[in-house]
Amino acid sequence: MSPGDEQGYTETGQTRTRLPGGDPYGGAPRRTGRSSSRGLVTVVGVVVLLIAAIAFANRGDGSATDGSAGKADRPKAAPTAASGTKPVDTKSANIPSGFAHTQQGAQSAAANYAVALGSAEMFNKSRRDAILQAIMTPSTVASSKTAMDKAYTPDFSQSLGLYADGTAPKGYTFVSRTSPVGTKVTEATGDAATVEVWCSGLLGLAGEKSTNPVTNSWFTITMKLEWTANDWKIITHSQQEGPAPVPGDDKASSSEEISKAVDEYGGFTYAR
């Protein structure tokens, strides 16, 4: 994959962006061709869900006598409710740090590291080096910096409408954000964990004459973490597309609205 196809990762994985032709900032019209069919689907969907809910309520305990699988045979999803565990209150290079030496701590670390790796700061050499120094294991910092330098080239920045140093032209707002939707541990030992982070990402240049408008993508980042120096650090990370939901009929916002949102809405410290 080439740097121009990805959003902030090199060969280890990066957000893929599909830039549409044309400029939506002039006021992209709401898609109306599917409105009637979508309305019918919605009504049918509600009826189906209602019938399913009634059947669920009346099905009993799911024992073998009614032909259903026992509760012990059903796959268990990772809990999504708030755990009550206090989020970390320390930072390194302005990135949350000091996560618990638990699977939950590993998930929190992975979510916060995904945000850092997908941020606009990765386009600035000094900030990128500081981020990698903070989140990678000591043995992989140097190689990660080299790999990222090969990805974040002046040509890559210019392909997004930025200056060679990664800064946006006057009157434009560069947007590169990653928002974790959920996390799960796929493998864990005492001092190692593999965590998958399902994310939604934003990438583009907001401005009236931008040819690279801000677009949305969905992807999953897989991180192999190691417990070192009393914190979780990344050994390797990779990325794949999806799972992606069906796009809605939301009307594209103007460049002014996008720029204002980026300036006014701050990020979060993610905790499981």
Protein backbone atom coordinates (compact mmCIF):
# COMPACT_ATOMS: atom_id res chain seq x y z
CA MET A 1 0.00 0.00 0.00
CA SER A 2 1.25 3.51 -0.69
CA PRO A 3 1.23 6.42 1.78
CA GLY A 4 -1.26 8.26 -0.38
CA ASP A 5 -3.77 5.47 0.23
CA GLU A 6 -3.51 5.48 3.99
CA GLN A 7 -4.08 7.86 6.89
CA GLY A 8 -1.13 7.77 9.27
CA TYR A 9 0.23 4.24 9.27
CA THR A 10 2.92 2.75 7.11
CA GLU A 11 3.11 -0.91 6.08
CA THR A 12 1.95 -1.88 9.57
CA GLY A 13 -1.53 -0.57 8.78
CA GLN A 14 -3.28 2.72 8.16
CA THR A 15 -6.69 4.22 7.67
CA ARG A 16 -7.83 3.89 4.08
CA THR A 17 -9.58 6.91 2.64
CA ARG A 18 -11.78 7.03 -0.42
CA LEU A 19 -11.95 10.64 -1.60
CA PRO A 20 -15.07 11.40 -3.65
CA GLY A 21 -14.95 13.39 -6.83
CA GLY A 22 -16.24 16.92 -6.59
CA ASP A 23 -16.53 19.22 -3.61
CA PRO A 24 -19.31 18.63 -1.04
CA TYR A 25 -18.58 21.87 0.76
CA GLY A 26 -20.80 23.78 -1.60
CA GLY A 27 -23.69 22.01 0.12
CA ALA A 28 -24.00 18.39 -0.88
CA PRO A 29 -27.66 17.45 -1.43
CA ARG A 30 -29.21 14.79 0.76
CA ARG A 31 -29.59 11.49 -1.05
CA THR A 32 -33.32 11.10 -1.66
CA GLY A 33 -33.51 8.22 -4.12
CA ARG A 34 -33.83 5.64 -1.34
CA SER A 35 -36.12 7.55 1.00
CA SER A 36 -39.34 5.69 0.24
CA SER A 37 -37.72 2.27 0.16
CA ARG A 38 -35.78 3.02 3.33
CA GLY A 39 -39.01 4.07 5.02
CA LEU A 40 -40.61 0.75 4.09
CA VAL A 41 -37.55 -1.16 5.28
CA THR A 42 -37.68 0.73 8.56
CA VAL A 43 -41.34 -0.17 9.13
CA VAL A 44 -40.73 -3.81 8.26
CA GLY A 45 -37.64 -3.82 10.48
CA VAL A 46 -39.61 -2.51 13.45
CA VAL A 47 -42.25 -5.21 12.99
CA VAL A 48 -39.62 -7.93 12.74
CA LEU A 49 -37.84 -6.65 15.84
CA LEU A 50 -41.13 -6.53 17.76
CA ILE A 51 -41.92 -10.15 16.82
CA ALA A 52 -38.39 -11.20 17.77
CA ALA A 53 -38.68 -9.42 21.12
CA ILE A 54 -41.96 -11.20 21.90
CA ALA A 55 -40.47 -14.56 20.92
CA PHE A 56 -37.41 -13.85 23.07
CA ALA A 57 -39.54 -12.99 26.08
CA ASN A 58 -41.56 -16.21 25.74
CA ARG A 59 -38.85 -18.68 24.85
CA GLY A 60 -38.06 -19.85 28.38
CA ASP A 61 -34.55 -20.45 29.68
CA GLY A 62 -33.11 -21.81 26.42
CA SER A 63 -32.67 -25.33 27.72
CA ALA A 64 -32.01 -28.35 25.49
CA THR A 65 -35.65 -29.41 25.72
CA ASP A 66 -36.80 -26.62 23.39
CA GLY A 67 -34.08 -27.27 20.82
CA SER A 68 -32.03 -24.14 21.60
CA ALA A 69 -28.38 -24.08 22.61
CA GLY A 70 -27.56 -23.91 26.29
CA LYS A 71 -26.25 -20.67 27.72
CA ALA A 72 -22.81 -22.18 28.20
CA ASP A 73 -22.55 -22.79 24.44
CA ARG A 74 -23.21 -19.20 23.41
CA PRO A 75 -20.21 -16.98 22.52
CA LYS A 76 -19.52 -14.32 25.10
CA ALA A 77 -19.08 -10.74 23.95
CA ALA A 78 -16.66 -8.39 25.68
CA PRO A 79 -18.49 -6.25 28.26
CA THR A 80 -19.26 -2.77 27.02
CA ALA A 81 -20.71 -1.21 30.16
CA ALA A 82 -18.61 1.19 32.18
CA SER A 83 -16.49 -0.76 34.66
CA GLY A 84 -16.24 1.98 37.27
CA THR A 85 -12.45 1.84 37.11
CA LYS A 86 -10.95 5.31 37.35
CA PRO A 87 -9.27 6.41 34.09
CA VAL A 88 -5.55 7.19 34.17
CA ASP A 89 -4.63 10.69 35.26
CA THR A 90 -1.06 10.86 33.94
CA LYS A 91 0.25 11.67 30.46
CA SER A 92 3.41 11.21 28.42
CA ALA A 93 3.84 13.46 25.36
CA ASN A 94 0.24 14.54 26.04
CA ILE A 95 -0.91 10.92 25.64
CA PRO A 96 -2.59 9.07 28.55
CA SER A 97 -0.18 6.74 30.32
CA GLY A 98 0.17 4.64 33.45
CA PHE A 99 -2.43 2.00 32.54
CA ALA A 100 -3.27 -0.89 34.86
CA HIS A 101 -1.40 -4.17 34.49
CA THR A 102 -4.62 -5.95 33.51
CA GLN A 103 -6.48 -6.87 30.35
CA GLN A 104 -8.72 -3.88 30.89
CA GLY A 105 -5.65 -1.67 31.17
CA ALA A 106 -4.30 -3.10 27.92
CA GLN A 107 -7.58 -2.28 26.14
CA SER A 108 -7.53 1.27 27.48
CA ALA A 109 -3.94 1.70 26.34
CA ALA A 110 -4.69 0.37 22.87
CA ALA A 111 -7.69 2.69 22.45
CA ASN A 112 -5.69 5.76 23.46
CA TYR A 113 -2.73 4.78 21.30
CA ALA A 114 -5.05 4.36 18.29
CA VAL A 115 -6.17 7.97 18.79
CA ALA A 116 -2.56 9.19 18.89
CA LEU A 117 -1.51 7.24 15.79
CA GLY A 118 -4.45 8.61 13.82
CA SER A 119 -4.04 12.23 14.90
CA ALA A 120 -3.05 15.25 12.81
CA GLU A 121 0.06 15.56 14.99
CA MET A 122 1.54 12.57 13.17
CA PHE A 123 2.11 14.87 10.19
CA ASN A 124 4.57 16.97 12.23
CA LYS A 125 8.02 15.37 12.50
CA SER A 126 8.83 16.45 16.06
CA ARG A 127 5.36 15.58 17.39
CA ARG A 128 5.38 12.25 15.57
CA ASP A 129 8.71 11.30 17.13
CA ALA A 130 7.40 12.24 20.59
CA ILE A 131 4.27 10.13 20.08
CA LEU A 132 6.26 7.08 19.01
CA GLN A 133 8.67 7.55 21.89
CA ALA A 134 5.72 7.50 24.29
CA ILE A 135 3.74 4.54 22.97
CA MET A 136 6.23 2.09 21.42
CA THR A 137 8.42 -0.36 23.32
CA PRO A 138 11.98 0.98 23.72
CA SER A 139 13.36 -1.64 21.32
CA THR A 140 11.02 -0.61 18.49
CA VAL A 141 11.11 3.20 18.77
CA ALA A 142 13.98 3.72 16.33
CA SER A 143 12.60 1.40 13.64
CA SER A 144 9.12 2.92 14.04
CA LYS A 145 10.48 6.43 13.53
CA THR A 146 12.29 5.33 10.38
CA ALA A 147 9.20 3.60 9.00
CA MET A 148 6.94 6.56 9.73
CA ASP A 149 9.40 9.01 8.16
CA LYS A 150 9.16 6.99 4.95
CA ALA A 151 5.37 7.19 5.10
CA TYR A 152 4.90 10.83 6.08
CA THR A 153 6.79 12.35 3.17
CA PRO A 154 6.38 15.87 1.76
CA ASP A 155 4.68 14.33 -1.27
CA PHE A 156 2.16 12.59 0.98
CA SER A 157 1.35 15.85 2.78
CA GLN A 158 0.95 17.72 -0.49
CA SER A 159 -1.35 15.01 -1.86
CA LEU A 160 -3.73 15.87 1.00
CA GLY A 161 -3.57 19.60 0.23
CA LEU A 162 -1.03 20.40 2.97
CA TYR A 163 2.32 22.10 2.77
CA ALA A 164 5.40 19.86 2.64
CA ASP A 165 5.89 20.23 6.41
CA GLY A 166 2.37 18.94 7.12
CA THR A 167 0.74 22.28 7.94
CA ALA A 168 -2.53 23.44 6.39
CA PRO A 169 -2.75 26.50 4.11
CA LYS A 170 -4.25 29.66 5.57
CA GLY A 171 -8.03 29.49 5.66
CA TYR A 172 -8.12 25.68 5.76
CA THR A 173 -8.43 23.20 8.63
CA PHE A 174 -6.72 19.84 8.40
CA VAL A 175 -8.68 17.02 10.05
CA SER A 176 -7.20 13.65 11.04
CA ARG A 177 -8.97 11.96 13.92
CA THR A 178 -9.50 8.39 15.07
CA SER A 179 -12.36 7.52 17.41
CA PRO A 180 -12.38 4.04 19.01
CA VAL A 181 -15.80 2.40 19.00
CA GLY A 182 -14.87 -0.74 20.94
CA THR A 183 -11.99 -2.98 21.99
CA LYS A 184 -11.41 -6.65 22.67
CA VAL A 185 -8.51 -8.82 23.83
CA THR A 186 -7.82 -11.73 21.49
CA GLU A 187 -4.77 -13.10 23.30
CA ALA A 188 -3.20 -12.39 26.68
CA THR A 189 -0.52 -13.58 29.06
CA GLY A 190 0.86 -11.91 32.16
CA ASP A 191 3.03 -9.35 30.36
CA ALA A 192 1.68 -9.44 26.82
CA ALA A 193 -1.67 -8.80 25.15
CA THR A 194 -3.11 -8.58 21.66
CA VAL A 195 -5.92 -6.05 21.43
CA GLU A 196 -8.21 -5.19 18.54
CA VAL A 197 -9.63 -1.66 18.39
CA TRP A 198 -12.65 -0.99 16.16
CA CYS A 199 -12.45 2.61 14.98
CA SER A 200 -14.06 5.32 12.94
CA GLY A 201 -11.75 7.84 11.31
CA LEU A 202 -11.92 11.31 9.77
CA LEU A 203 -9.40 12.59 7.22
CA GLY A 204 -9.34 15.57 4.90
CA LEU A 205 -8.94 19.30 4.45
CA ALA A 206 -11.87 21.55 5.35
CA GLY A 207 -12.08 24.68 3.24
CA GLU A 208 -14.31 26.23 0.58
CA LYS A 209 -12.04 25.25 -2.31
CA SER A 210 -10.67 22.03 -0.87
CA THR A 211 -10.32 19.16 -3.33
CA ASN A 212 -9.77 16.74 -0.42
CA PRO A 213 -12.90 17.16 1.75
CA VAL A 214 -13.15 15.46 5.13
CA THR A 215 -14.38 11.89 4.72
CA ASN A 216 -15.18 9.06 7.12
CA SER A 217 -13.80 5.51 7.20
CA TRP A 218 -14.12 2.42 9.40
CA PHE A 219 -11.27 0.08 10.31
CA THR A 220 -9.90 -2.25 12.97
CA ILE A 221 -6.40 -1.84 14.41
CA THR A 222 -4.67 -4.85 15.95
CA MET A 223 -1.97 -4.06 18.50
CA LYS A 224 0.47 -6.40 20.16
CA LEU A 225 1.32 -4.88 23.52
CA GLU A 226 4.03 -5.61 26.05
CA TRP A 227 4.18 -4.65 29.71
CA THR A 228 7.40 -2.68 30.08
CA ALA A 229 8.55 0.16 32.34
CA ASN A 230 5.31 -0.18 34.34
CA ASP A 231 3.03 0.47 31.37
CA TRP A 232 1.64 -1.11 28.22
CA LYS A 233 3.61 -0.31 25.06
CA ILE A 234 3.18 -1.29 21.40
CA ILE A 235 5.41 -3.94 19.85
CA THR A 236 3.62 -4.05 16.47
CA HIS A 237 0.36 -2.77 15.01
CA SER A 238 -1.57 -3.49 11.84
CA GLN A 239 -4.89 -2.52 10.33
CA GLN A 240 -7.73 -3.86 8.21
CA GLU A 241 -10.88 -2.30 6.81
CA GLY A 242 -14.25 -2.49 8.58
CA PRO A 243 -16.56 -3.52 9.99
CA ALA A 244 -18.33 -0.63 8.26
CA PRO A 245 -22.04 0.20 8.71
CA VAL A 246 -24.32 1.14 5.82
CA PRO A 247 -23.87 4.90 5.13
CA GLY A 248 -26.78 7.02 6.28
CA ASP A 249 -28.55 9.86 4.51
CA ASP A 250 -26.88 12.62 6.51
CA LYS A 251 -26.35 15.84 4.61
CA ALA A 252 -22.69 16.78 4.32
CA SER A 253 -21.81 19.77 6.51
CA SER A 254 -20.16 22.90 5.17
CA SER A 255 -16.43 23.49 5.53
CA GLU A 256 -17.16 26.15 8.14
CA GLU A 257 -19.19 23.72 10.26
CA ILE A 258 -16.46 21.07 10.06
CA SER A 259 -13.71 23.53 10.97
CA LYS A 260 -15.73 24.86 13.90
CA ALA A 261 -16.41 21.35 15.18
CA VAL A 262 -12.74 20.44 15.04
CA ASP A 263 -11.81 23.57 16.98
CA GLU A 264 -14.55 23.25 19.61
CA TYR A 265 -14.80 19.51 20.28
CA GLY A 266 -11.87 18.02 22.15
CA GLY A 267 -10.91 14.38 22.41
CA PHE A 268 -11.28 11.86 25.22
CA THR A 269 -9.17 9.69 27.45
CA TYR A 270 -10.47 6.21 26.69
CA ALA A 271 -10.92 3.67 29.48
CA ARG A 272 -12.62 0.28 29.45
